[in-house]
N, C-alpha and C. Protein backbone atom coordinates (compact mmCIF):
# COMPACT_ATOMS: atom_id res chain seq x y z
N MET A 1 2.52 -16.51 32.10
CA MET A 1 3.03 -17.39 31.18
C MET A 1 1.74 -17.39 30.19
N LYS A 2 0.12 -17.65 30.97
CA LYS A 2 -0.91 -17.82 30.21
C LYS A 2 -0.94 -16.88 29.08
N LEU A 3 -0.89 -15.89 29.80
CA LEU A 3 -1.02 -14.58 28.87
C LEU A 3 0.05 -14.70 27.50
N ILE A 4 1.18 -14.88 27.55
CA ILE A 4 2.34 -14.87 26.47
C ILE A 4 1.57 -16.00 25.47
N TYR A 5 1.19 -17.51 26.33
CA TYR A 5 0.97 -18.58 25.38
C TYR A 5 -0.47 -17.93 24.78
N THR A 6 -1.36 -17.26 25.19
CA THR A 6 -2.61 -17.04 24.47
C THR A 6 -2.23 -16.35 23.26
N LEU A 7 -1.63 -15.41 23.33
CA LEU A 7 -0.67 -14.32 22.76
C LEU A 7 -0.46 -15.09 21.37
N LEU A 8 0.69 -16.14 21.82
CA LEU A 8 1.48 -16.83 20.87
C LEU A 8 -0.01 -17.62 19.67
N ALA A 9 -0.45 -18.06 20.36
CA ALA A 9 -1.85 -19.07 20.03
C ALA A 9 -2.49 -18.14 18.92
N LEU A 10 -2.92 -17.32 19.65
CA LEU A 10 -3.80 -15.99 18.34
C LEU A 10 -3.05 -15.34 17.33
N ILE A 11 -1.71 -15.41 17.47
CA ILE A 11 -0.81 -15.12 16.29
C ILE A 11 -0.79 -16.15 15.32
N ILE A 12 -0.62 -17.36 15.91
CA ILE A 12 -0.31 -18.08 14.89
C ILE A 12 -1.68 -18.59 14.18
N LEU A 13 -2.78 -18.61 14.83
CA LEU A 13 -3.97 -18.57 14.09
C LEU A 13 -4.17 -17.51 12.78
N LEU A 14 -3.92 -16.31 13.31
CA LEU A 14 -4.27 -15.40 12.27
C LEU A 14 -3.12 -15.38 11.48
N LEU A 15 -1.90 -15.88 11.49
CA LEU A 15 -0.70 -16.36 10.38
C LEU A 15 -1.45 -17.26 9.48
N ILE A 16 -2.22 -18.30 9.78
CA ILE A 16 -2.89 -19.04 9.01
C ILE A 16 -3.82 -18.50 8.20
N TRP A 17 -5.15 -17.95 9.17
CA TRP A 17 -5.78 -17.28 8.05
C TRP A 17 -5.22 -16.27 6.84
N SER A 18 -4.53 -15.50 7.30
CA SER A 18 -3.42 -14.65 6.47
C SER A 18 -2.98 -15.23 5.20
N ALA A 19 -2.55 -16.43 5.51
CA ALA A 19 -1.84 -17.57 4.44
C ALA A 19 -2.91 -17.91 3.60
N ILE A 20 -4.10 -18.02 3.79
CA ILE A 20 -4.92 -18.55 2.78
C ILE A 20 -5.48 -17.55 1.79
N ASN A 21 -5.32 -17.78 0.77
CA ASN A 21 -5.46 -16.65 -0.64
C ASN A 21 -5.20 -15.33 -0.38
N PRO A 22 -4.28 -14.98 0.18
CA PRO A 22 -3.93 -13.51 0.39
C PRO A 22 -3.71 -12.93 -0.99
N PHE A 23 -3.75 -11.66 -0.83
CA PHE A 23 -4.05 -10.72 -2.29
C PHE A 23 -2.99 -11.32 -3.20
N GLU A 24 -1.81 -11.46 -3.04
CA GLU A 24 -0.03 -11.18 -3.45
C GLU A 24 0.65 -12.39 -2.62
N TYR A 25 0.98 -13.47 -2.67
CA TYR A 25 1.86 -14.42 -1.86
C TYR A 25 2.98 -13.75 -1.60
N PHE A 26 3.85 -12.84 -2.74
CA PHE A 26 5.05 -12.00 -2.22
C PHE A 26 5.16 -10.87 -1.63
N THR A 27 4.02 -10.03 -1.60
CA THR A 27 3.70 -9.30 -0.89
C THR A 27 3.41 -10.03 1.07
N TRP A 28 2.59 -10.58 0.44
CA TRP A 28 2.23 -11.45 1.90
C TRP A 28 3.69 -11.77 2.80
N PHE A 29 4.35 -12.61 2.27
CA PHE A 29 5.86 -12.98 2.76
C PHE A 29 6.63 -11.72 3.38
N LEU A 30 6.43 -10.57 2.42
CA LEU A 30 6.98 -9.51 2.82
C LEU A 30 6.47 -9.04 4.14
N GLU A 31 5.36 -8.75 4.28
CA GLU A 31 4.72 -7.91 5.39
C GLU A 31 4.52 -8.78 6.34
N VAL A 32 4.43 -9.95 6.15
CA VAL A 32 4.40 -11.04 7.56
C VAL A 32 6.22 -11.02 7.92
N LEU A 33 7.23 -11.31 7.13
CA LEU A 33 8.11 -11.46 7.73
C LEU A 33 8.67 -10.97 9.29
N PRO A 34 8.47 -9.35 8.91
CA PRO A 34 9.22 -8.77 10.36
C PRO A 34 8.42 -9.13 11.70
N ALA A 35 7.12 -9.54 11.59
CA ALA A 35 6.38 -10.16 12.68
C ALA A 35 6.71 -11.74 13.05
N ILE A 36 7.12 -12.62 12.16
CA ILE A 36 7.71 -13.92 12.45
C ILE A 36 9.13 -13.64 13.11
N ILE A 37 9.93 -12.80 12.37
CA ILE A 37 11.39 -12.49 13.17
C ILE A 37 11.01 -11.88 14.70
N GLY A 38 10.13 -11.07 14.38
CA GLY A 38 9.89 -10.62 15.99
C GLY A 38 9.64 -11.71 16.92
N ILE A 39 8.76 -12.56 16.63
CA ILE A 39 8.06 -13.74 17.68
C ILE A 39 9.46 -14.37 17.60
N LEU A 40 10.16 -14.75 16.39
CA LEU A 40 11.31 -15.49 16.86
C LEU A 40 12.19 -15.10 17.78
N VAL A 41 12.93 -13.82 17.77
CA VAL A 41 13.25 -13.48 18.67
C VAL A 41 13.46 -13.21 19.96
N LEU A 42 11.91 -12.74 20.48
CA LEU A 42 11.23 -12.79 21.68
C LEU A 42 11.18 -14.29 22.30
N ALA A 43 11.09 -15.31 21.18
CA ALA A 43 10.72 -16.61 21.93
C ALA A 43 12.37 -17.09 21.81
N PHE A 44 13.32 -17.13 21.29
CA PHE A 44 14.63 -17.36 21.57
C PHE A 44 15.42 -16.79 23.10
N THR A 45 14.43 -15.46 23.61
CA THR A 45 15.29 -14.72 24.36
C THR A 45 14.45 -14.77 25.54
N PHE A 46 13.49 -15.71 25.56
CA PHE A 46 12.58 -15.30 26.43
C PHE A 46 13.19 -16.06 27.75
N ASN A 47 13.68 -16.52 27.88
CA ASN A 47 14.51 -17.19 29.32
C ASN A 47 15.34 -16.34 29.68
N SER A 48 16.68 -15.73 28.65
CA SER A 48 17.19 -14.99 29.73
C SER A 48 16.86 -13.40 29.60
N PHE A 49 15.81 -12.95 28.93
CA PHE A 49 15.35 -11.55 29.12
C PHE A 49 13.99 -11.63 28.73
N ARG A 50 13.10 -11.59 29.77
CA ARG A 50 11.41 -11.75 29.69
C ARG A 50 11.06 -10.00 29.43
N PHE A 51 10.61 -9.64 28.89
CA PHE A 51 9.60 -8.45 28.78
C PHE A 51 8.79 -8.16 29.83
N THR A 52 8.16 -6.69 30.15
CA THR A 52 7.21 -6.87 30.75
C THR A 52 5.62 -7.23 29.76
N ASN A 53 4.83 -7.59 30.31
CA ASN A 53 3.34 -8.07 29.64
C ASN A 53 2.89 -6.61 28.61
N LEU A 54 3.43 -5.61 29.36
CA LEU A 54 2.82 -4.62 28.47
C LEU A 54 3.48 -4.84 26.93
N ILE A 55 4.77 -4.87 26.96
CA ILE A 55 5.42 -5.12 25.77
C ILE A 55 4.97 -6.24 24.89
N TYR A 56 4.62 -7.61 25.46
CA TYR A 56 4.01 -8.43 24.76
C TYR A 56 2.90 -8.62 24.31
N VAL A 57 1.84 -7.48 25.12
CA VAL A 57 0.59 -6.93 24.31
C VAL A 57 0.88 -5.85 23.17
N LEU A 58 1.90 -5.32 23.24
CA LEU A 58 2.00 -4.32 22.10
C LEU A 58 2.60 -5.02 20.50
N VAL A 59 3.33 -5.91 21.12
CA VAL A 59 4.02 -6.74 20.18
C VAL A 59 2.80 -7.34 19.49
N PHE A 60 1.94 -8.01 20.32
CA PHE A 60 0.99 -8.44 19.47
C PHE A 60 0.08 -7.91 18.58
N VAL A 61 -0.71 -6.58 18.89
CA VAL A 61 -1.14 -5.56 18.43
C VAL A 61 -0.28 -5.31 17.18
N HIS A 62 0.93 -5.07 17.08
CA HIS A 62 1.62 -5.04 15.90
C HIS A 62 2.04 -5.92 15.02
N CYS A 63 1.89 -6.98 15.77
CA CYS A 63 1.75 -8.12 14.76
C CYS A 63 0.36 -8.46 13.57
N ILE A 64 -0.76 -8.14 14.46
CA ILE A 64 -1.69 -8.06 14.08
C ILE A 64 -2.26 -6.92 12.48
N ILE A 65 -1.63 -5.74 13.15
CA ILE A 65 -1.51 -4.63 11.91
C ILE A 65 -0.34 -5.67 10.70
N LEU A 66 0.60 -5.94 11.01
CA LEU A 66 1.60 -6.37 9.64
C LEU A 66 0.60 -7.53 9.24
N ILE A 67 0.25 -8.56 9.93
CA ILE A 67 -0.69 -9.67 9.35
C ILE A 67 -1.40 -9.52 8.33
N VAL A 68 -2.47 -8.46 9.00
CA VAL A 68 -3.47 -8.15 8.18
C VAL A 68 -3.28 -7.08 6.82
N GLY A 69 -2.39 -6.60 6.99
CA GLY A 69 -1.93 -5.64 5.90
C GLY A 69 -0.92 -6.77 4.83
N GLY A 70 -0.49 -7.64 5.38
CA GLY A 70 0.22 -8.79 4.63
C GLY A 70 -0.65 -9.73 3.68
N HIS A 71 -2.05 -10.05 4.01
CA HIS A 71 -3.13 -10.59 3.44
C HIS A 71 -3.82 -9.86 2.38
N TYR A 72 -4.09 -8.56 2.85
CA TYR A 72 -4.92 -7.76 1.76
C TYR A 72 -3.96 -6.74 1.03
N THR A 73 -2.90 -6.76 1.34
CA THR A 73 -2.07 -5.73 1.03
C THR A 73 -2.22 -4.37 1.96
N TYR A 74 -1.53 -3.45 2.35
CA TYR A 74 -1.92 -2.31 2.80
C TYR A 74 -2.45 -1.60 2.24
N ALA A 75 -2.60 -1.23 0.60
CA ALA A 75 -3.48 -0.61 0.07
C ALA A 75 -4.96 -1.28 -0.26
N GLU A 76 -4.93 -2.05 -0.06
CA GLU A 76 -6.13 -3.14 -0.28
C GLU A 76 -7.02 -3.31 1.22
N VAL A 77 -6.84 -3.11 2.33
CA VAL A 77 -7.64 -3.49 3.70
C VAL A 77 -8.69 -2.85 3.51
N PRO A 78 -9.96 -3.55 3.66
CA PRO A 78 -11.41 -3.03 3.63
C PRO A 78 -11.61 -2.14 4.35
N TRP A 79 -11.16 -2.05 5.77
CA TRP A 79 -11.61 -1.18 6.61
C TRP A 79 -11.41 -0.14 6.28
N PHE A 80 -10.43 0.12 5.80
CA PHE A 80 -9.58 1.11 5.65
C PHE A 80 -10.48 1.83 3.87
N ASP A 81 -10.93 1.21 3.23
CA ASP A 81 -11.29 1.45 2.00
C ASP A 81 -12.69 2.34 2.56
N TRP A 82 -13.42 1.86 3.94
CA TRP A 82 -14.72 2.61 3.92
C TRP A 82 -14.12 3.79 4.70
N ILE A 83 -12.97 3.94 5.53
CA ILE A 83 -12.61 5.34 6.11
C ILE A 83 -12.41 5.94 4.68
N GLN A 84 -11.59 5.49 3.93
CA GLN A 84 -10.91 6.71 2.33
C GLN A 84 -12.15 6.80 2.03
N GLU A 85 -13.59 6.32 1.95
CA GLU A 85 -14.83 6.59 1.23
C GLU A 85 -15.36 7.25 1.81
N THR A 86 -15.60 7.30 3.36
CA THR A 86 -16.47 8.00 4.31
C THR A 86 -15.77 9.59 4.37
N PHE A 87 -14.76 9.44 4.61
CA PHE A 87 -14.17 10.96 4.70
C PHE A 87 -13.62 11.54 3.39
N ASN A 88 -13.68 10.54 2.12
CA ASN A 88 -13.22 11.47 0.83
C ASN A 88 -11.56 11.62 1.07
N GLN A 89 -11.07 10.22 1.60
CA GLN A 89 -9.72 10.69 1.23
C GLN A 89 -9.22 10.10 -0.14
N THR A 90 -8.13 10.49 -0.44
CA THR A 90 -7.47 9.75 -1.78
C THR A 90 -6.85 8.72 -1.91
N ARG A 91 -6.55 8.24 -0.71
CA ARG A 91 -5.92 6.78 -0.66
C ARG A 91 -6.04 5.84 0.52
N ASN A 92 -6.05 4.70 0.50
CA ASN A 92 -6.00 4.18 1.67
C ASN A 92 -5.06 3.95 2.57
N ASN A 93 -5.49 4.58 3.73
CA ASN A 93 -4.29 4.82 4.80
C ASN A 93 -4.21 4.01 5.90
N TYR A 94 -4.08 2.49 5.56
CA TYR A 94 -4.24 1.72 6.33
C TYR A 94 -2.66 1.48 6.71
N ASP A 95 -1.70 1.96 5.81
CA ASP A 95 -0.27 1.87 6.13
C ASP A 95 0.27 3.12 6.91
N LYS A 96 -0.65 4.06 7.11
CA LYS A 96 -0.30 5.10 7.86
C LYS A 96 -0.08 4.20 9.32
N LEU A 97 -1.15 3.79 9.76
CA LEU A 97 -1.37 3.04 11.01
C LEU A 97 -0.43 2.17 11.25
N GLY A 98 0.30 1.48 10.26
CA GLY A 98 0.99 0.23 10.35
C GLY A 98 2.53 0.97 10.73
N HIS A 99 2.93 2.39 10.05
CA HIS A 99 3.89 3.15 10.32
C HIS A 99 3.76 3.86 11.62
N PHE A 100 2.91 4.32 12.04
CA PHE A 100 2.60 4.70 13.46
C PHE A 100 3.08 3.70 14.55
N ALA A 101 2.23 2.45 14.22
CA ALA A 101 2.64 1.83 15.07
C ALA A 101 4.28 0.93 14.98
N GLN A 102 4.47 1.31 14.13
CA GLN A 102 6.19 1.13 13.85
C GLN A 102 7.05 2.04 14.68
N GLY A 103 6.49 3.05 15.04
CA GLY A 103 7.22 3.97 15.98
C GLY A 103 6.59 3.98 17.40
N PHE A 104 5.28 3.33 17.79
CA PHE A 104 4.93 3.43 18.87
C PHE A 104 5.38 2.23 19.77
N VAL A 105 5.62 0.92 18.95
CA VAL A 105 5.76 -0.34 19.79
C VAL A 105 7.47 -0.40 19.74
N PRO A 106 8.13 -0.38 18.62
CA PRO A 106 9.59 -0.03 18.93
C PRO A 106 10.00 0.72 19.99
N ALA A 107 9.28 1.73 20.34
CA ALA A 107 9.71 3.15 21.09
C ALA A 107 9.32 2.28 22.67
N MET A 108 8.80 1.30 22.72
CA MET A 108 8.48 0.98 24.36
C MET A 108 9.08 0.06 24.48
N ILE A 109 9.82 -0.89 23.17
CA ILE A 109 10.85 -2.07 23.15
C ILE A 109 12.01 -1.46 24.04
N THR A 110 12.50 -0.20 23.25
CA THR A 110 13.81 0.35 23.44
C THR A 110 13.69 1.43 24.86
N ARG A 111 12.49 1.77 24.97
CA ARG A 111 12.43 2.36 26.44
C ARG A 111 12.73 0.99 27.61
N GLU A 112 12.51 -0.33 27.47
CA GLU A 112 12.52 -0.71 28.38
C GLU A 112 13.92 -1.44 28.41
N LEU A 113 14.50 -1.87 27.28
CA LEU A 113 15.96 -2.06 27.30
C LEU A 113 16.73 -1.04 27.71
N LEU A 114 16.36 0.16 27.27
CA LEU A 114 17.69 1.07 27.80
C LEU A 114 17.34 1.08 29.18
N LEU A 115 16.32 1.17 30.08
CA LEU A 115 15.99 1.24 31.36
C LEU A 115 16.54 0.01 32.23
N ARG A 116 16.33 -1.14 31.49
CA ARG A 116 16.76 -2.55 32.55
C ARG A 116 18.35 -2.76 32.06
N LYS A 117 18.81 -2.22 30.96
CA LYS A 117 20.38 -2.66 30.93
C LYS A 117 20.99 -1.08 31.10
N ASN A 118 20.35 -0.31 32.29
CA ASN A 118 20.71 1.13 32.32
C ASN A 118 21.84 1.53 31.23
N VAL A 119 21.63 1.50 30.18
CA VAL A 119 22.12 2.41 28.99
C VAL A 119 22.03 3.52 29.52
N VAL A 120 21.30 4.36 29.46
CA VAL A 120 21.15 5.81 29.85
C VAL A 120 21.15 5.71 31.79
N GLU A 121 22.14 6.62 31.79
CA GLU A 121 22.46 7.19 33.13
C GLU A 121 21.48 8.06 33.15
N LYS A 122 21.30 9.44 32.71
CA LYS A 122 20.62 10.68 33.02
C LYS A 122 19.72 10.34 32.20
N LYS A 123 18.19 10.22 33.45
CA LYS A 123 17.08 9.86 32.59
C LYS A 123 16.30 11.09 31.50
N GLY A 124 17.02 12.30 31.91
CA GLY A 124 16.23 13.64 31.12
C GLY A 124 16.52 13.11 29.24
N TRP A 125 17.25 12.48 29.24
CA TRP A 125 17.82 11.73 27.75
C TRP A 125 17.12 10.79 27.42
N LEU A 126 16.39 10.06 28.15
CA LEU A 126 15.73 8.75 27.75
C LEU A 126 14.97 8.91 26.63
N HIS A 127 13.75 10.04 26.78
CA HIS A 127 12.96 9.90 26.09
C HIS A 127 13.36 10.48 24.42
N PHE A 128 14.42 11.19 24.43
CA PHE A 128 14.96 12.04 23.44
C PHE A 128 15.62 10.75 22.33
N ILE A 129 16.26 9.90 23.35
CA ILE A 129 16.94 9.12 22.74
C ILE A 129 16.16 7.47 21.97
N VAL A 130 14.89 7.51 22.67
CA VAL A 130 13.79 6.44 22.04
C VAL A 130 13.56 6.98 20.91
N VAL A 131 13.08 8.31 21.09
CA VAL A 131 12.45 8.52 19.61
C VAL A 131 13.27 8.44 19.01
N CYS A 132 14.81 8.93 19.05
CA CYS A 132 15.84 8.98 18.04
C CYS A 132 16.09 7.55 17.14
N ILE A 133 15.82 6.77 18.34
CA ILE A 133 16.10 5.36 17.79
C ILE A 133 14.76 4.89 17.14
N ALA A 134 13.82 5.19 17.30
CA ALA A 134 12.69 4.93 16.81
C ALA A 134 12.68 5.23 15.45
N LEU A 135 13.01 6.21 15.02
CA LEU A 135 13.10 7.34 14.10
C LEU A 135 14.16 6.57 12.98
N ALA A 136 15.21 5.96 13.53
CA ALA A 136 16.29 4.90 12.79
C ALA A 136 15.59 3.89 12.38
N ILE A 137 14.82 3.21 13.19
CA ILE A 137 14.28 2.06 12.81
C ILE A 137 13.26 2.00 11.36
N SER A 138 12.21 3.24 11.49
CA SER A 138 11.57 3.62 10.36
C SER A 138 12.25 3.92 9.31
N ALA A 139 13.58 5.02 9.67
CA ALA A 139 14.53 5.19 8.43
C ALA A 139 14.89 4.10 7.95
N ALA A 140 15.53 3.30 8.42
CA ALA A 140 16.08 1.79 8.09
C ALA A 140 15.11 0.82 7.47
N TYR A 141 13.71 0.94 7.67
CA TYR A 141 12.92 0.32 7.08
C TYR A 141 12.32 0.61 5.55
N GLU A 142 12.49 1.92 5.46
CA GLU A 142 12.00 2.69 4.41
C GLU A 142 13.17 2.17 3.09
N PHE A 143 14.59 2.30 3.95
CA PHE A 143 15.71 1.94 2.92
C PHE A 143 15.30 0.34 2.41
N ILE A 144 14.74 -0.84 3.31
CA ILE A 144 14.56 -1.81 2.80
C ILE A 144 13.56 -2.14 1.61
N GLU A 145 12.12 -1.10 2.12
CA GLU A 145 11.15 -1.03 0.94
C GLU A 145 11.81 -0.88 -0.26
N TRP A 146 12.71 0.28 -0.09
CA TRP A 146 13.24 0.88 -1.41
C TRP A 146 13.90 0.05 -2.14
N GLY A 147 14.95 -0.99 -1.36
CA GLY A 147 15.75 -1.39 -1.77
C GLY A 147 14.96 -2.99 -2.52
N VAL A 148 13.98 -3.37 -1.55
CA VAL A 148 13.23 -4.65 -2.52
C VAL A 148 12.35 -4.05 -3.70
N SER A 149 11.58 -2.70 -3.63
CA SER A 149 10.90 -2.06 -4.81
C SER A 149 12.14 -2.46 -5.89
N LEU A 150 13.52 -1.80 -5.90
CA LEU A 150 14.44 -1.91 -6.85
C LEU A 150 14.66 -3.00 -7.46
N SER A 151 14.74 -3.94 -6.44
CA SER A 151 15.50 -5.38 -7.06
C SER A 151 14.25 -6.29 -7.45
N THR A 152 13.07 -5.95 -7.18
CA THR A 152 12.27 -6.84 -7.84
C THR A 152 11.18 -6.32 -8.84
N GLY A 153 10.94 -4.71 -9.01
CA GLY A 153 10.31 -3.96 -10.12
C GLY A 153 9.07 -4.11 -9.67
N GLU A 154 8.07 -4.45 -10.67
CA GLU A 154 6.34 -4.36 -10.13
C GLU A 154 6.38 -5.45 -9.13
N GLY A 155 7.24 -6.52 -8.77
CA GLY A 155 6.54 -7.22 -7.71
C GLY A 155 6.71 -6.48 -6.21
N GLY A 156 7.71 -5.54 -6.13
CA GLY A 156 7.67 -4.79 -5.14
C GLY A 156 6.81 -3.71 -4.67
N ASP A 157 6.41 -3.16 -5.62
CA ASP A 157 5.30 -2.00 -5.54
C ASP A 157 4.21 -2.29 -4.83
N SER A 158 3.50 -3.42 -4.22
CA SER A 158 2.62 -3.35 -3.41
C SER A 158 3.23 -3.60 -2.24
N PHE A 159 4.35 -4.17 -2.13
CA PHE A 159 5.60 -3.89 -0.67
C PHE A 159 5.52 -2.18 -0.21
N LEU A 160 5.85 -1.64 -1.34
CA LEU A 160 5.98 -0.18 -1.22
C LEU A 160 5.12 0.42 -0.65
N GLY A 161 3.76 0.34 -1.40
CA GLY A 161 2.51 1.03 -0.98
C GLY A 161 2.74 2.16 -1.45
N THR A 162 3.26 3.24 -1.82
CA THR A 162 2.90 4.66 -2.36
C THR A 162 1.83 5.33 -2.45
N GLN A 163 0.96 4.14 -3.33
CA GLN A 163 -0.13 4.49 -3.64
C GLN A 163 0.13 6.19 -4.66
N GLY A 164 0.95 6.10 -5.09
CA GLY A 164 1.25 7.51 -6.03
C GLY A 164 1.34 8.59 -5.10
N TYR A 165 1.76 8.62 -3.63
CA TYR A 165 1.79 9.93 -3.30
C TYR A 165 3.37 9.88 -3.12
N ILE A 166 3.84 11.51 -3.78
CA ILE A 166 5.21 11.28 -3.57
C ILE A 166 5.94 11.56 -2.42
N TRP A 167 5.46 12.13 -1.10
CA TRP A 167 5.43 12.21 -0.07
C TRP A 167 5.64 10.90 0.93
N ASP A 168 5.23 9.51 0.62
CA ASP A 168 4.80 8.65 1.33
C ASP A 168 6.31 8.43 2.43
N THR A 169 7.21 8.23 1.94
CA THR A 169 8.61 8.12 2.68
C THR A 169 8.73 8.47 3.76
N GLN A 170 8.43 10.15 3.48
CA GLN A 170 8.67 10.87 4.48
C GLN A 170 7.29 11.22 5.27
N SER A 171 6.07 11.07 4.70
CA SER A 171 5.34 10.98 5.85
C SER A 171 5.21 9.55 6.69
N ASP A 172 5.65 8.24 6.27
CA ASP A 172 5.51 7.33 7.02
C ASP A 172 6.89 7.40 8.25
N MET A 173 7.80 8.21 8.05
CA MET A 173 8.75 8.46 8.90
C MET A 173 8.08 9.35 10.23
N LEU A 174 7.26 10.10 9.55
CA LEU A 174 6.83 11.12 10.40
C LEU A 174 5.94 10.64 11.15
N TYR A 175 5.02 9.54 11.07
CA TYR A 175 3.86 9.02 11.49
C TYR A 175 4.93 7.67 12.86
N ALA A 176 5.59 7.68 12.08
CA ALA A 176 6.57 6.95 12.82
C ALA A 176 7.05 7.30 14.32
N THR A 177 7.20 8.74 14.04
CA THR A 177 8.27 9.72 14.99
C THR A 177 6.71 9.88 15.90
N ILE A 178 5.60 10.23 15.66
CA ILE A 178 4.41 10.75 16.27
C ILE A 178 3.89 9.71 16.89
N GLY A 179 4.16 8.38 16.55
CA GLY A 179 3.94 7.08 17.45
C GLY A 179 4.84 7.07 18.46
N ALA A 180 6.03 6.99 18.22
CA ALA A 180 6.81 6.87 18.97
C ALA A 180 6.80 7.40 20.70
N ILE A 181 6.49 9.13 19.96
CA ILE A 181 5.94 10.56 20.92
C ILE A 181 4.81 9.97 21.84
N THR A 182 3.74 9.47 20.72
CA THR A 182 2.81 9.36 21.69
C THR A 182 2.58 7.83 22.49
N ALA A 183 3.80 7.26 22.24
CA ALA A 183 3.92 6.20 23.57
C ALA A 183 4.35 6.49 24.53
N LEU A 184 5.19 7.33 24.42
CA LEU A 184 6.20 7.73 25.58
C LEU A 184 5.18 8.36 26.66
N VAL A 185 4.28 9.51 26.04
CA VAL A 185 3.45 10.06 26.81
C VAL A 185 2.43 9.51 27.49
N LEU A 186 1.69 8.50 26.87
CA LEU A 186 0.38 7.50 27.18
C LEU A 186 1.12 6.43 28.09
N LEU A 187 2.03 5.85 27.88
CA LEU A 187 2.40 4.59 28.87
C LEU A 187 3.63 4.36 29.51
N SER A 188 4.18 5.78 29.49
CA SER A 188 5.16 5.73 30.33
C SER A 188 5.25 5.44 31.79
N LYS A 189 4.06 5.84 32.18
CA LYS A 189 4.04 5.67 33.75
C LYS A 189 3.45 4.26 33.96
N THR A 190 2.54 3.53 33.10
CA THR A 190 2.07 2.32 33.24
C THR A 190 3.26 1.26 33.28
N HIS A 191 4.17 1.77 31.93
CA HIS A 191 5.17 0.82 31.77
C HIS A 191 6.50 0.83 33.04
N ASN A 192 6.49 2.01 33.81
CA ASN A 192 7.39 2.51 35.53
C ASN A 192 6.41 1.24 36.20
N LYS A 193 5.32 0.99 36.42
CA LYS A 193 4.94 0.47 37.18
C LYS A 193 5.42 -1.18 37.13
N GLN A 194 5.04 -1.72 35.85
CA GLN A 194 5.40 -3.25 35.53
C GLN A 194 6.72 -3.40 35.86
N LEU A 195 7.78 -2.32 35.43
CA LEU A 195 9.24 -2.62 35.71
C LEU A 195 9.57 -2.75 37.14
N LYS A 196 9.01 -2.09 37.85
CA LYS A 196 9.08 -2.16 39.19
C LYS A 196 8.85 -3.53 39.79
N GLU A 197 7.69 -4.18 38.81
CA GLU A 197 7.41 -5.48 39.54
C GLU A 197 8.14 -7.06 39.31
N ILE A 198 9.26 -6.40 38.06
CA ILE A 198 10.07 -7.63 37.59
C ILE A 198 11.74 -6.90 38.33
N LYS A 199 12.53 -8.15 37.79
CA LYS A 199 13.61 -8.23 38.31
C LYS A 199 14.53 -8.34 36.92
N ASN A 200 15.77 -7.42 36.87
CA ASN A 200 16.40 -7.32 35.80
C ASN A 200 16.94 -8.67 35.23
């Protein structure tokens, strides 16, 4: 419990920081909204379904990425400006980190839900289904970005964040897919150990 409260307190402090003079308040709201919704869902379901500590730590890291991106906008995050200049990149690629996390974290959440709820009987299908769900989440988010951009005009451009790259949507989904696969490869054993320590 101490870990959960610590992570929650840190997220609240980070949200307060991000709300102070962000690059643009409308974009800030759009970027931090998924983090706020995720935190509320986890809070309201905490007593009925408590995830492993690994999931809460991953959600915490994902929230940091979203909140920082909201404060600066994804195209203007200073640390990635340095990377852009150092490696002679044509754009600020902080959004690619965000979409990698968009595959990485939901993949592990999905894995835990499928295993603990006994949704997948044949474990050989588990990773395939997890990656497919992560990709579906990524595609759905691209639909949302597209819809917001169409409905708000220039106000949604910072949220869409293509930075003039015509293949931005496709590459975003690719990074999410890579993130999901990476999570399963790197964290499945650790996740299994934590799953054994808790009751469904």
